[in-house]
N, C-alpha and C. Protein backbone atom coordinates (compact mmCIF):
# COMPACT_ATOMS: atom_id res chain seq x y z
N MET A 1 1.95 22.24 -13.92
CA MET A 1 1.62 20.88 -14.12
C MET A 1 2.88 19.87 -13.78
N PHE A 2 4.02 20.44 -14.19
CA PHE A 2 5.48 19.74 -14.26
C PHE A 2 5.69 19.45 -12.74
N LEU A 3 5.39 20.62 -12.04
CA LEU A 3 5.85 20.33 -10.56
C LEU A 3 4.94 19.52 -10.04
N VAL A 4 3.83 19.27 -10.27
CA VAL A 4 2.97 18.39 -9.57
C VAL A 4 3.17 16.99 -9.94
N LEU A 5 3.49 16.95 -11.42
CA LEU A 5 3.79 15.59 -11.97
C LEU A 5 5.13 15.11 -11.26
N THR A 6 5.91 15.85 -10.97
CA THR A 6 7.35 15.54 -10.49
C THR A 6 7.04 15.13 -9.07
N VAL A 7 6.25 15.83 -8.20
CA VAL A 7 5.94 15.45 -6.86
C VAL A 7 5.24 14.27 -6.65
N LEU A 8 4.14 13.95 -7.76
CA LEU A 8 3.65 12.55 -7.70
C LEU A 8 4.56 11.44 -8.01
N GLY A 9 5.37 11.60 -9.09
CA GLY A 9 6.22 10.68 -9.49
C GLY A 9 7.38 10.19 -8.50
N SER A 10 7.90 11.37 -7.94
CA SER A 10 9.13 11.26 -6.85
C SER A 10 8.56 10.81 -5.53
N THR A 11 7.34 10.97 -5.31
CA THR A 11 6.86 10.34 -3.93
C THR A 11 6.09 9.12 -3.96
N ASP A 12 6.00 8.50 -5.25
CA ASP A 12 5.26 7.33 -5.34
C ASP A 12 5.93 6.17 -4.57
N ILE A 13 5.23 5.00 -4.12
CA ILE A 13 5.84 4.19 -3.59
C ILE A 13 6.74 3.36 -4.22
N SER A 14 7.00 3.38 -5.48
CA SER A 14 8.08 2.58 -6.26
C SER A 14 9.05 3.43 -6.48
N ALA A 15 9.20 4.75 -6.29
CA ALA A 15 10.22 5.70 -6.54
C ALA A 15 11.39 5.47 -5.32
N PRO A 16 12.65 5.62 -5.83
CA PRO A 16 13.74 5.44 -5.01
C PRO A 16 13.52 6.52 -3.85
N VAL A 17 13.99 6.07 -2.51
CA VAL A 17 13.75 6.80 -1.30
C VAL A 17 14.78 7.64 -1.20
N GLY A 18 14.49 8.97 -0.91
CA GLY A 18 15.53 10.03 -0.73
C GLY A 18 15.87 10.84 -1.70
N PHE A 19 15.28 10.75 -2.83
CA PHE A 19 15.78 11.57 -4.15
C PHE A 19 14.42 12.48 -4.57
N ALA A 20 13.45 12.62 -3.66
CA ALA A 20 12.34 13.26 -4.01
C ALA A 20 12.66 14.79 -3.85
N GLY A 21 13.27 15.35 -2.98
CA GLY A 21 13.71 16.51 -2.75
C GLY A 21 14.51 16.91 -3.89
N LEU A 22 15.57 16.26 -4.37
CA LEU A 22 16.21 16.61 -5.37
C LEU A 22 15.52 16.88 -6.64
N ALA A 23 14.69 15.87 -7.00
CA ALA A 23 13.86 16.03 -8.24
C ALA A 23 13.04 17.11 -8.23
N ILE A 24 12.33 17.41 -7.18
CA ILE A 24 11.54 18.48 -7.05
C ILE A 24 12.15 19.83 -7.19
N GLY A 25 13.32 19.89 -6.38
CA GLY A 25 14.05 21.11 -6.34
C GLY A 25 14.57 21.49 -7.80
N LEU A 26 15.10 20.42 -8.49
CA LEU A 26 15.54 20.73 -10.04
C LEU A 26 14.43 21.13 -10.81
N VAL A 27 13.28 20.40 -10.67
CA VAL A 27 12.23 20.91 -11.60
C VAL A 27 11.64 22.37 -11.26
N LEU A 28 11.56 22.78 -9.97
CA LEU A 28 11.30 24.01 -9.43
C LEU A 28 12.27 25.16 -10.05
N THR A 29 13.65 24.68 -9.96
CA THR A 29 14.67 25.58 -10.51
C THR A 29 14.38 25.84 -12.06
N LEU A 30 14.22 24.73 -12.89
CA LEU A 30 14.01 24.76 -14.23
C LEU A 30 12.70 25.49 -14.46
N ILE A 31 11.66 25.52 -13.70
CA ILE A 31 10.39 26.15 -13.97
C ILE A 31 10.72 27.90 -13.82
N HIS A 32 11.57 28.11 -12.88
CA HIS A 32 11.90 29.58 -12.73
C HIS A 32 12.89 30.07 -13.72
N LEU A 33 13.92 29.26 -14.15
CA LEU A 33 14.87 29.66 -15.03
C LEU A 33 14.16 29.72 -16.44
N VAL A 34 13.21 29.10 -16.81
CA VAL A 34 12.62 29.38 -18.06
C VAL A 34 11.37 30.23 -17.96
N GLY A 35 10.63 30.14 -16.98
CA GLY A 35 9.34 31.11 -16.80
C GLY A 35 9.65 32.48 -16.49
N ILE A 36 10.53 32.80 -15.57
CA ILE A 36 10.54 34.31 -15.07
C ILE A 36 11.05 35.00 -16.30
N PRO A 37 12.09 34.64 -17.06
CA PRO A 37 12.46 35.51 -18.14
C PRO A 37 11.35 35.64 -19.43
N ILE A 38 10.47 34.57 -19.58
CA ILE A 38 9.57 34.76 -20.49
C ILE A 38 8.14 35.44 -20.10
N THR A 39 7.65 34.88 -19.06
CA THR A 39 6.44 35.47 -18.44
C THR A 39 6.55 36.22 -17.23
N ASN A 40 7.59 36.24 -16.52
CA ASN A 40 7.71 36.83 -15.19
C ASN A 40 6.82 36.07 -14.34
N THR A 41 6.77 34.66 -14.44
CA THR A 41 5.94 33.85 -13.66
C THR A 41 6.30 33.85 -12.15
N SER A 42 5.22 33.44 -11.43
CA SER A 42 5.48 33.14 -9.96
C SER A 42 4.94 31.76 -9.71
N VAL A 43 5.61 30.97 -8.92
CA VAL A 43 5.02 29.62 -8.53
C VAL A 43 4.41 29.70 -7.31
N ASN A 44 4.70 30.71 -6.50
CA ASN A 44 4.22 31.05 -5.11
C ASN A 44 2.90 31.69 -5.20
N PRO A 45 1.69 31.38 -4.81
CA PRO A 45 0.35 32.16 -4.87
C PRO A 45 0.59 33.54 -4.17
N ALA A 46 1.03 33.49 -3.00
CA ALA A 46 1.34 34.57 -2.25
C ALA A 46 1.97 35.71 -2.92
N ARG A 47 3.17 35.40 -3.89
CA ARG A 47 3.79 36.31 -4.55
C ARG A 47 3.10 37.00 -5.71
N SER A 48 2.13 36.39 -5.95
CA SER A 48 1.16 36.76 -6.98
C SER A 48 0.05 37.75 -6.43
N ILE A 49 -0.66 37.18 -5.40
CA ILE A 49 -1.75 37.81 -4.83
C ILE A 49 -1.30 39.12 -3.87
N GLY A 50 -0.24 39.10 -3.34
CA GLY A 50 0.26 40.26 -2.65
C GLY A 50 0.44 41.44 -3.39
N PRO A 51 1.16 41.49 -4.34
CA PRO A 51 1.59 42.58 -5.15
C PRO A 51 0.33 42.98 -5.87
N ALA A 52 -0.48 41.89 -6.29
CA ALA A 52 -1.84 42.46 -6.96
C ALA A 52 -2.74 43.29 -6.11
N LEU A 53 -2.66 42.95 -4.92
CA LEU A 53 -3.71 43.78 -3.96
C LEU A 53 -3.12 45.18 -3.92
N PHE A 54 -1.80 45.35 -3.80
CA PHE A 54 -1.26 46.71 -3.72
C PHE A 54 -1.29 47.52 -4.97
N VAL A 55 -1.04 46.77 -6.08
CA VAL A 55 -0.99 47.55 -7.52
C VAL A 55 -2.59 47.82 -7.86
N GLY A 56 -3.48 46.88 -7.69
CA GLY A 56 -4.83 47.02 -8.19
C GLY A 56 -4.93 47.16 -9.53
N GLY A 57 -6.10 47.60 -10.19
CA GLY A 57 -6.39 47.80 -11.48
C GLY A 57 -6.07 46.62 -12.38
N TRP A 58 -5.14 46.77 -13.31
CA TRP A 58 -4.82 45.60 -14.19
C TRP A 58 -4.33 44.36 -13.56
N ALA A 59 -3.63 44.41 -12.31
CA ALA A 59 -2.99 43.26 -11.64
C ALA A 59 -4.16 42.53 -11.15
N LEU A 60 -5.17 43.22 -10.72
CA LEU A 60 -6.41 42.28 -9.98
C LEU A 60 -7.07 41.77 -11.05
N GLN A 61 -7.12 42.43 -12.33
CA GLN A 61 -7.85 41.79 -13.36
C GLN A 61 -7.11 40.36 -13.88
N GLN A 62 -5.87 40.46 -13.53
CA GLN A 62 -5.11 39.22 -14.20
C GLN A 62 -5.06 38.23 -13.01
N LEU A 63 -5.49 38.61 -11.75
CA LEU A 63 -5.30 37.66 -10.73
C LEU A 63 -5.85 36.38 -10.70
N TRP A 64 -6.82 36.20 -11.43
CA TRP A 64 -7.85 35.04 -11.55
C TRP A 64 -6.88 33.87 -12.25
N MET A 65 -6.07 34.34 -13.09
CA MET A 65 -5.20 33.35 -13.93
C MET A 65 -4.22 32.59 -12.81
N PHE A 66 -3.59 33.47 -11.88
CA PHE A 66 -2.81 32.90 -11.12
C PHE A 66 -3.36 31.91 -9.95
N ILE A 67 -4.69 31.97 -9.83
CA ILE A 67 -5.47 31.19 -8.94
C ILE A 67 -5.90 29.97 -9.72
N VAL A 68 -6.50 30.07 -10.81
CA VAL A 68 -7.12 29.08 -11.63
C VAL A 68 -6.00 28.11 -12.34
N ALA A 69 -5.08 28.67 -12.83
CA ALA A 69 -4.06 27.99 -13.55
C ALA A 69 -3.40 26.78 -12.77
N PRO A 70 -3.02 27.22 -11.51
CA PRO A 70 -2.41 25.92 -10.76
C PRO A 70 -3.37 24.79 -10.50
N PHE A 71 -4.77 25.17 -10.45
CA PHE A 71 -5.67 23.95 -10.20
C PHE A 71 -5.60 23.22 -11.63
N VAL A 72 -6.02 23.91 -12.67
CA VAL A 72 -5.84 23.28 -13.80
C VAL A 72 -4.84 22.35 -14.21
N GLY A 73 -3.62 22.96 -13.86
CA GLY A 73 -2.31 22.21 -14.06
C GLY A 73 -2.20 20.97 -13.25
N ALA A 74 -2.70 21.13 -12.11
CA ALA A 74 -2.79 20.03 -11.10
C ALA A 74 -3.64 18.93 -11.67
N ILE A 75 -4.85 19.24 -12.20
CA ILE A 75 -5.71 18.25 -12.66
C ILE A 75 -5.22 17.58 -13.92
N ILE A 76 -4.44 18.28 -14.85
CA ILE A 76 -3.87 17.66 -15.98
C ILE A 76 -2.66 16.82 -15.52
N ALA A 77 -2.02 17.10 -14.45
CA ALA A 77 -0.86 16.31 -13.91
C ALA A 77 -1.49 15.08 -13.43
N ALA A 78 -2.59 15.09 -12.68
CA ALA A 78 -3.07 13.84 -12.10
C ALA A 78 -3.67 12.97 -13.12
N ILE A 79 -4.27 13.48 -14.30
CA ILE A 79 -4.65 12.57 -15.30
C ILE A 79 -3.55 12.12 -16.00
N VAL A 80 -2.49 12.86 -16.41
CA VAL A 80 -1.31 12.18 -17.11
C VAL A 80 -0.59 11.24 -16.01
N TYR A 81 -0.56 11.54 -14.88
CA TYR A 81 0.14 10.55 -13.96
C TYR A 81 -0.58 9.21 -13.93
N SER A 82 -2.02 9.39 -13.70
CA SER A 82 -2.86 8.18 -13.86
C SER A 82 -2.59 7.39 -15.01
N ALA A 83 -2.61 7.99 -16.09
CA ALA A 83 -2.47 7.26 -17.35
C ALA A 83 -0.93 6.67 -17.48
N MET A 84 -0.02 7.41 -16.94
CA MET A 84 1.40 6.76 -16.98
C MET A 84 1.54 5.63 -15.90
N ARG A 85 0.82 5.70 -14.79
CA ARG A 85 1.03 4.79 -13.74
C ARG A 85 0.16 3.48 -14.01
N HIS A 86 -0.95 3.56 -14.62
CA HIS A 86 -1.73 2.30 -14.86
C HIS A 86 -1.78 2.18 -16.28
N PRO A 87 -1.11 1.24 -16.67
CA PRO A 87 -1.09 0.92 -18.09
C PRO A 87 -2.32 0.31 -18.71
N ALA A 88 -2.84 0.55 -19.97
CA ALA A 88 -4.03 0.06 -20.52
C ALA A 88 -4.21 -1.58 -20.36
N ILE A 89 -2.87 -2.22 -20.60
CA ILE A 89 -3.05 -3.74 -20.48
C ILE A 89 -2.15 -4.10 -19.36
N LEU A 90 -2.77 -4.79 -18.41
CA LEU A 90 -2.17 -5.45 -17.43
C LEU A 90 -1.61 -6.81 -17.53
N ILE A 91 -0.32 -7.10 -17.27
CA ILE A 91 0.18 -8.39 -17.49
C ILE A 91 0.31 -9.10 -16.20
N THR A 92 -0.47 -10.12 -16.12
CA THR A 92 -0.47 -10.90 -14.86
C THR A 92 0.66 -11.74 -14.83
N THR A 93 1.16 -12.15 -13.53
CA THR A 93 2.39 -13.02 -13.33
C THR A 93 2.20 -14.29 -14.25
N ARG A 94 1.24 -14.95 -14.38
CA ARG A 94 1.08 -16.15 -15.14
C ARG A 94 1.15 -15.88 -16.67
N LYS A 95 0.67 -14.69 -17.27
CA LYS A 95 1.12 -14.61 -18.64
C LYS A 95 2.35 -14.07 -18.95
N ALA A 96 3.05 -13.52 -17.86
CA ALA A 96 4.52 -13.26 -18.05
C ALA A 96 5.30 -14.35 -18.09
N GLU A 97 5.01 -15.41 -17.13
CA GLU A 97 5.75 -16.66 -17.28
C GLU A 97 5.45 -17.54 -18.34
N GLU A 98 4.22 -17.41 -18.95
CA GLU A 98 4.19 -18.07 -20.26
C GLU A 98 4.86 -17.39 -21.57
N ALA A 99 5.09 -16.17 -21.34
CA ALA A 99 5.65 -15.48 -22.38
C ALA A 99 7.17 -15.69 -22.56
N LEU A 100 7.88 -16.17 -21.41
CA LEU A 100 9.32 -16.44 -21.50
C LEU A 100 9.47 -17.86 -21.15
N PRO A 101 9.19 -18.89 -21.96
CA PRO A 101 9.55 -20.25 -21.54
C PRO A 101 11.12 -20.46 -21.50
N GLY A 102 11.86 -19.93 -22.34
CA GLY A 102 13.11 -20.17 -22.51
C GLY A 102 13.82 -19.74 -21.14
N GLU A 103 13.46 -18.64 -20.63
CA GLU A 103 13.92 -18.19 -19.39
C GLU A 103 13.57 -19.21 -18.32
N GLN A 104 12.41 -19.59 -18.19
CA GLN A 104 12.03 -20.58 -17.21
C GLN A 104 12.84 -21.80 -17.25
N ILE A 105 13.20 -22.26 -18.47
CA ILE A 105 14.04 -23.43 -18.57
C ILE A 105 15.38 -23.21 -17.93
N ASP A 106 15.79 -22.07 -18.35
CA ASP A 106 17.25 -21.74 -17.79
C ASP A 106 17.18 -21.70 -16.27
N ARG A 107 16.06 -21.16 -15.77
CA ARG A 107 16.02 -21.12 -14.18
C ARG A 107 16.11 -22.60 -13.54
N ILE A 108 15.38 -23.43 -14.13
CA ILE A 108 15.38 -24.79 -13.60
C ILE A 108 16.62 -25.54 -13.91
N ALA A 109 17.19 -25.30 -14.74
CA ALA A 109 18.76 -26.04 -15.04
C ALA A 109 19.71 -25.55 -14.20
């Protein structure tokens, strides 16, 4: 979820150009630094599917989680990003101008 959320945020039209790779790389590094010691995680599906096919048995029984979890994480990230990107209350330009009359006076003077 964090990786997809970072990709969505760093490639957004309003994000600074040229920093997407840095943000995505740092999040991927953090996922590996935290996830590998705790759960022996793999972010690459090929790294999960390949060894599971060779080991068989218990590895194949757990393989569904490495396929389903990224989809669930991506859906959660899309929902969270959508909620963060589009606020519940939209402030129009007219309302913003009316809210700051003192600033408008300073601009005229």
